[in-house]
C-alpha atoms as a PDB file:
ATOM      1  CA  MET A   1    -199.875 192.122 -67.870  1.00  0.00           C
ATOM      2  CA  LYS A   2    -199.700 188.361 -68.304  1.00  0.00           C
ATOM      3  CA  PHE A   3    -198.630 186.946 -71.666  1.00  0.00           C
ATOM      4  CA  TYR A   4    -199.373 183.659 -73.393  1.00  0.00           C
ATOM      5  CA  TYR A   5    -196.944 182.358 -75.986  1.00  0.00           C
ATOM      6  CA  VAL A   6    -197.293 180.299 -79.123  1.00  0.00           C
ATOM      7  CA  TYR A   7    -193.890 179.062 -80.174  1.00  0.00           C
ATOM      8  CA  ILE A   8    -192.228 177.074 -82.909  1.00  0.00           C
ATOM      9  CA  LEU A   9    -189.109 175.121 -82.013  1.00  0.00           C
ATOM     10  CA  GLN A  10    -186.515 173.843 -84.460  1.00  0.00           C
ATOM     11  CA  SER A  11    -184.308 170.873 -83.686  1.00  0.00           C
ATOM     12  CA  GLU A  12    -180.605 171.640 -83.684  1.00  0.00           C
ATOM     13  CA  ILE A  13    -179.699 168.084 -84.731  1.00  0.00           C
ATOM     14  CA  ASP A  14    -182.304 167.773 -87.502  1.00  0.00           C
ATOM     15  CA  GLN A  15    -183.090 171.177 -88.988  1.00  0.00           C
ATOM     16  CA  LYS A  16    -186.175 169.756 -90.744  1.00  0.00           C
ATOM     17  CA  ARG A  17    -187.876 168.950 -87.415  1.00  0.00           C
ATOM     18  CA  PHE A  18    -190.212 171.505 -85.855  1.00  0.00           C
ATOM     19  CA  TYR A  19    -192.546 171.538 -82.873  1.00  0.00           C
ATOM     20  CA  THR A  20    -195.360 174.012 -82.200  1.00  0.00           C
ATOM     21  CA  GLY A  21    -196.686 174.646 -78.707  1.00  0.00           C
ATOM     22  CA  PHE A  22    -198.339 176.971 -76.213  1.00  0.00           C
ATOM     23  CA  THR A  23    -197.046 178.138 -72.828  1.00  0.00           C
ATOM     24  CA  GLU A  24    -197.239 180.844 -70.213  1.00  0.00           C
ATOM     25  CA  ASP A  25    -193.478 180.622 -69.458  1.00  0.00           C
ATOM     26  CA  LEU A  26    -191.363 180.402 -72.599  1.00  0.00           C
ATOM     27  CA  ASP A  27    -187.961 179.975 -70.924  1.00  0.00           C
ATOM     28  CA  LEU A  28    -189.171 177.215 -68.611  1.00  0.00           C
ATOM     29  CA  ARG A  29    -190.922 175.422 -71.468  1.00  0.00           C
ATOM     30  CA  LEU A  30    -187.777 175.450 -73.644  1.00  0.00           C
ATOM     31  CA  LYS A  31    -185.773 174.025 -70.731  1.00  0.00           C
ATOM     32  CA  SER A  32    -188.405 171.312 -70.345  1.00  0.00           C
ATOM     33  CA  HIS A  33    -188.148 170.358 -74.027  1.00  0.00           C
ATOM     34  CA  ASN A  34    -184.349 170.319 -73.921  1.00  0.00           C
ATOM     35  CA  SER A  35    -184.175 168.251 -70.718  1.00  0.00           C
ATOM     36  CA  GLY A  36    -186.107 165.409 -72.343  1.00  0.00           C
ATOM     37  CA  LYS A  37    -189.202 165.752 -70.138  1.00  0.00           C
ATOM     38  CA  CYS A  38    -191.482 166.023 -73.178  1.00  0.00           C
ATOM     39  CA  PRO A  39    -191.903 162.677 -74.984  1.00  0.00           C
ATOM     40  CA  HIS A  40    -192.885 164.361 -78.274  1.00  0.00           C
ATOM     41  CA  THR A  41    -189.623 166.290 -78.502  1.00  0.00           C
ATOM     42  CA  SER A  42    -187.049 164.249 -76.580  1.00  0.00           C
ATOM     43  CA  LYS A  43    -185.777 162.359 -79.634  1.00  0.00           C
ATOM     44  CA  TYR A  44    -184.654 165.498 -81.489  1.00  0.00           C
ATOM     45  CA  LYS A  45    -183.248 167.643 -78.665  1.00  0.00           C
ATOM     46  CA  PRO A  46    -181.697 170.119 -78.282  1.00  0.00           C
ATOM     47  CA  TRP A  47    -184.228 172.616 -79.570  1.00  0.00           C
ATOM     48  CA  ARG A  48    -184.041 176.331 -80.244  1.00  0.00           C
ATOM     49  CA  ILE A  49    -186.847 178.854 -80.504  1.00  0.00           C
ATOM     50  CA  LYS A  50    -187.479 179.653 -84.150  1.00  0.00           C
ATOM     51  CA  THR A  51    -190.561 181.842 -83.638  1.00  0.00           C
ATOM     52  CA  ALA A  52    -192.494 183.037 -80.586  1.00  0.00           C
ATOM     53  CA  VAL A  53    -195.616 185.194 -80.549  1.00  0.00           C
ATOM     54  CA  ALA A  54    -196.912 186.774 -77.334  1.00  0.00           C
ATOM     55  CA  PHE A  55    -200.615 187.342 -76.701  1.00  0.00           C
ATOM     56  CA  GLY A  56    -202.457 189.115 -73.912  1.00  0.00           C
ATOM     57  CA  ASP A  57    -205.513 186.970 -74.674  1.00  0.00           C
ATOM     58  CA  ARG A  58    -205.176 183.272 -73.795  1.00  0.00           C
ATOM     59  CA  GLN A  59    -207.868 182.069 -76.192  1.00  0.00           C
ATOM     60  CA  LYS A  60    -206.319 183.870 -79.169  1.00  0.00           C
ATOM     61  CA  ALA A  61    -202.999 182.179 -78.398  1.00  0.00           C
ATOM     62  CA  LEU A  62    -204.676 178.765 -78.205  1.00  0.00           C
ATOM     63  CA  ASP A  63    -206.500 179.454 -81.477  1.00  0.00           C
ATOM     64  CA  LEU A  64    -203.227 180.297 -83.238  1.00  0.00           C
ATOM     65  CA  GLU A  65    -201.560 177.172 -81.852  1.00  0.00           C
ATOM     66  CA  LYS A  66    -204.442 175.039 -83.142  1.00  0.00           C
ATOM     67  CA  TYR A  67    -204.222 176.692 -86.574  1.00  0.00           C
ATOM     68  CA  LEU A  68    -200.434 176.244 -86.806  1.00  0.00           C
ATOM     69  CA  LYS A  69    -200.870 172.524 -86.110  1.00  0.00           C
ATOM     70  CA  SER A  70    -203.321 172.166 -89.009  1.00  0.00           C
ATOM     71  CA  PRO A  71    -202.108 171.343 -92.547  1.00  0.00           C
ATOM     72  CA  SER A  72    -202.702 174.897 -93.809  1.00  0.00           C
ATOM     73  CA  GLY A  73    -201.137 176.349 -90.661  1.00  0.00           C
ATOM     74  CA  ARG A  74    -198.009 174.219 -91.088  1.00  0.00           C
ATOM     75  CA  ALA A  75    -197.735 175.410 -94.689  1.00  0.00           C
ATOM     76  CA  PHE A  76    -198.148 179.023 -93.552  1.00  0.00           C
ATOM     77  CA  ALA A  77    -195.511 178.630 -90.829  1.00  0.00           C
ATOM     78  CA  LYS A  78    -193.059 176.984 -93.205  1.00  0.00           C
ATOM     79  CA  LYS A  79    -193.411 179.801 -95.715  1.00  0.00           C
ATOM     80  CA  ARG A  80    -193.838 182.827 -93.428  1.00  0.00           C
ATOM     81  CA  LEU A  81    -192.480 182.063 -89.970  1.00  0.00           C
END
């Protein structure tokens, strides 16, 4: 079975910095963030995985990512994840 991941990263140099994303390969994506290949995260690298949720359904994963990037989703993640 193929999995789709929604993840929240936390910067190791600034613990107040988080990044939420979607991927099909979690290990490769983390390496990409930490190598500086992603302009949105390169300034605060290195990153660690704070939370990762696996889905069998791609659309449900994308829906959760979209929600977590909304104001109410960020509040939820801060409090619960």
